Amino acid sequence: MLKWRLTALLGLACGVTGIGWGYAQQQEVPGFYELRVYTAQPGKRDALAARFANRTAAIYARHGITNVGYWIPQQSDPELGITAENTFIYIRAYPSREERDKRLKARGDDPEFIEVVTKAEQNPDTRLIVKVHNIDMLPHGTYSAINIEP
């Protein structure tokens, strides 16, 4: 009888510990987002996407910037300035606007970012980006998949 009680107690302790560990592992939901729309040099959109996939996204993550998602438009929309051939879109997230500013400064000072992006974009022979649009965004409403409590 004692053996079963000890086993039950041990199981309960492991369960409570596991639940506590699970809550501790939950990441804080970001509360501030940026929509980034890039116009690539003609014929360079795929090279830009590859640079994000191979280097830039990891640099962002290293500085606490959440890579929400990356998209390639499937049709053009001249009114929005989007061409299916040369537009690259992504969203990144942060806990707050203030954290965004701190994390982007750290990213900008990162030697790998300077080498991979800053220097490449300053050189006309290796430049991939023509134009960047940035839109700051906050989640809104309980009808969204991303819901931040005020």
Protein backbone atom coordinates (compact mmCIF):
# COMPACT_ATOMS: atom_id res chain seq x y z
CA MET A 1 0.00 0.00 0.00
CA LEU A 2 2.82 2.40 0.86
CA LYS A 3 4.47 1.60 -2.47
CA TRP A 4 1.35 2.72 -4.39
CA ARG A 5 1.01 5.91 -2.35
CA LEU A 6 4.64 6.82 -2.96
CA THR A 7 4.23 6.07 -6.67
CA ALA A 8 1.07 8.22 -6.84
CA LEU A 9 2.78 11.04 -4.94
CA LEU A 10 5.82 10.87 -7.23
CA GLY A 11 3.54 10.92 -10.29
CA LEU A 12 1.66 13.94 -8.95
CA ALA A 13 4.94 15.75 -8.21
CA CYS A 14 6.20 15.06 -11.74
CA GLY A 15 2.93 16.27 -13.23
CA VAL A 16 2.97 19.53 -11.25
CA THR A 17 6.63 20.04 -12.14
CA GLY A 18 5.88 19.43 -15.82
CA ILE A 19 3.02 21.92 -15.83
CA GLY A 20 5.21 24.52 -14.13
CA TRP A 21 7.99 23.88 -16.60
CA GLY A 22 5.55 24.23 -19.50
CA TYR A 23 4.32 27.62 -18.27
CA ALA A 24 7.92 28.77 -17.78
CA GLN A 25 8.75 27.80 -21.38
CA GLN A 26 5.93 29.81 -22.91
CA GLN A 27 7.29 32.73 -24.84
CA GLU A 28 5.87 36.15 -24.23
CA VAL A 29 3.55 37.05 -27.08
CA PRO A 30 5.00 40.02 -28.98
CA GLY A 31 2.95 43.19 -28.76
CA PHE A 32 4.52 45.27 -31.52
CA TYR A 33 4.87 44.27 -35.17
CA GLU A 34 6.41 45.65 -38.33
CA LEU A 35 5.24 44.95 -41.84
CA ARG A 36 8.20 45.26 -44.20
CA VAL A 37 7.70 45.47 -47.97
CA TYR A 38 10.88 45.36 -50.06
CA THR A 39 11.22 46.13 -53.73
CA ALA A 40 14.22 44.18 -55.00
CA GLN A 41 16.48 45.12 -57.87
CA PRO A 42 15.03 43.65 -61.10
CA GLY A 43 15.65 39.90 -61.11
CA LYS A 44 17.14 39.92 -57.56
CA ARG A 45 14.06 39.06 -55.45
CA ASP A 46 15.05 35.41 -55.07
CA ALA A 47 18.59 36.40 -54.05
CA LEU A 48 17.09 38.73 -51.42
CA ALA A 49 14.85 35.94 -50.12
CA ALA A 50 17.88 33.61 -50.00
CA ARG A 51 19.87 36.17 -48.00
CA PHE A 52 17.06 36.29 -45.44
CA ALA A 53 16.77 32.50 -45.34
CA ASN A 54 20.51 31.89 -45.07
CA ARG A 55 21.73 34.77 -42.90
CA THR A 56 19.47 37.71 -42.02
CA ALA A 57 16.67 35.85 -40.21
CA ALA A 58 19.23 34.17 -37.92
CA ILE A 59 20.83 37.54 -37.15
CA TYR A 60 17.41 38.93 -36.23
CA ALA A 61 16.67 35.95 -33.99
CA ARG A 62 20.04 36.32 -32.27
CA HIS A 63 19.02 39.85 -31.27
CA GLY A 64 15.58 38.84 -29.96
CA ILE A 65 13.67 39.89 -33.06
CA THR A 66 10.83 37.47 -33.83
CA ASN A 67 10.63 36.41 -37.48
CA VAL A 68 6.83 36.13 -37.82
CA GLY A 69 6.78 35.20 -41.49
CA TYR A 70 8.08 35.83 -44.99
CA TRP A 71 6.01 36.04 -48.18
CA ILE A 72 6.40 36.19 -51.94
CA PRO A 73 3.39 37.86 -53.63
CA GLN A 74 1.69 35.76 -56.28
CA GLN A 75 0.22 38.69 -58.20
CA SER A 76 1.11 42.29 -58.83
CA ASP A 77 -0.82 45.28 -57.51
CA PRO A 78 0.41 48.49 -59.16
CA GLU A 79 -1.72 50.66 -56.88
CA LEU A 80 0.21 49.30 -53.87
CA GLY A 81 3.51 49.25 -55.75
CA ILE A 82 3.76 45.46 -55.53
CA THR A 83 5.14 43.41 -58.40
CA ALA A 84 5.09 39.64 -58.20
CA GLU A 85 8.58 39.55 -59.73
CA ASN A 86 10.39 41.96 -57.40
CA THR A 87 8.50 42.26 -54.08
CA PHE A 88 9.47 40.52 -50.85
CA ILE A 89 7.29 40.93 -47.74
CA TYR A 90 7.86 39.97 -44.13
CA ILE A 91 6.67 40.68 -40.60
CA ARG A 92 8.89 40.87 -37.54
CA ALA A 93 7.77 41.28 -33.93
CA TYR A 94 8.95 42.69 -30.61
CA PRO A 95 7.58 43.00 -27.08
CA SER A 96 7.24 46.81 -27.51
CA ARG A 97 8.28 49.74 -29.68
CA GLU A 98 11.05 50.57 -27.20
CA GLU A 99 12.40 47.02 -27.40
CA ARG A 100 12.24 47.24 -31.18
CA ASP A 101 14.48 50.29 -31.13
CA LYS A 102 17.00 48.65 -28.77
CA ARG A 103 17.08 45.37 -30.67
CA LEU A 104 17.42 47.00 -34.07
CA LYS A 105 20.33 49.08 -32.79
CA ALA A 106 22.05 45.93 -31.53
CA ARG A 107 21.35 44.24 -34.87
CA GLY A 108 22.77 47.23 -36.75
CA ASP A 109 25.97 47.05 -34.67
CA ASP A 110 26.35 43.29 -35.29
CA PRO A 111 29.52 42.64 -37.37
CA GLU A 112 27.80 39.88 -39.35
CA PHE A 113 24.86 42.16 -40.22
CA ILE A 114 27.27 44.91 -41.26
CA GLU A 115 29.10 42.49 -43.55
CA VAL A 116 26.09 40.63 -44.96
CA VAL A 117 23.60 43.49 -45.36
CA THR A 118 24.99 46.98 -44.75
CA LYS A 119 28.13 46.67 -46.87
CA ALA A 120 26.34 44.65 -49.56
CA GLU A 121 23.62 47.32 -49.88
CA GLN A 122 26.19 50.14 -50.08
CA ASN A 123 27.92 48.51 -53.04
CA PRO A 124 26.06 49.07 -56.36
CA ASP A 125 27.37 45.72 -57.67
CA THR A 126 25.94 43.66 -54.77
CA ARG A 127 22.90 45.75 -53.85
CA LEU A 128 19.65 43.75 -53.80
CA ILE A 129 17.15 46.34 -52.50
CA VAL A 130 15.66 49.31 -54.36
CA LYS A 131 13.10 50.46 -51.78
CA VAL A 132 11.82 49.51 -48.31
CA HIS A 133 8.43 50.33 -46.82
CA ASN A 134 7.89 49.88 -43.09
CA ILE A 135 4.52 49.91 -41.33
CA ASP A 136 4.36 49.70 -37.52
CA MET A 137 1.40 47.64 -36.31
CA LEU A 138 -0.35 46.63 -33.09
CA PRO A 139 -2.69 43.62 -32.82
CA HIS A 140 -6.34 44.61 -32.62
CA GLY A 141 -9.41 42.84 -31.37
CA THR A 142 -10.30 39.44 -30.05
CA TYR A 143 -11.24 38.35 -33.58
CA SER A 144 -7.54 38.15 -34.53
CA ALA A 145 -5.36 35.06 -34.14
CA ILE A 146 -2.92 37.36 -32.32
CA ASN A 147 -4.68 38.74 -29.27
CA ILE A 148 -2.90 40.99 -26.80
CA GLU A 149 -4.63 41.87 -23.56
CA PRO A 150 -4.30 45.61 -22.78
